[in-house]
């Protein structure tokens, strides 16, 4: 099966739950069609090169998946019909390039997971330090 990369842009004022629903709906099109995902990446809010439907910014989302050509046609048809998608672009990746993109996606996912764990540990340590300082301050007042 060929590997495809699809990037689409949602409006910045779209509620987080609506954005999540759009991503789930579009990803379901791929999985129902027999495709398999390597990654679904929310790239974040970015400035657009030119205004689209009077929006200066947009939220970029990236799909990297293996599927048949019919699946990508259905996915693009759904993008065209959706009011919550400003623009989209799908490209078919060369085999070598696809292998590298998949490796990069896995590496990036591991890095993000490690950063999240480190941030959670740092937040826990900061909360413990603040609690200790408050306890010290309470002792000094007595």
Foldseek 3Di string as FASTA:
>chain_A
DFKKKKKWWFAPPDDPVRVVVVLVVLVVLQVVQVKDWLDKDWPAKDADPDDFPNGRITTMIMTIIDHDPVSVVVSVVVLVVDPGTRDMDMDTDDPVRSVVVSVVSVVVVVVVVVVVVVVVVVVVVVVVVVVVVVVVVVVVVD
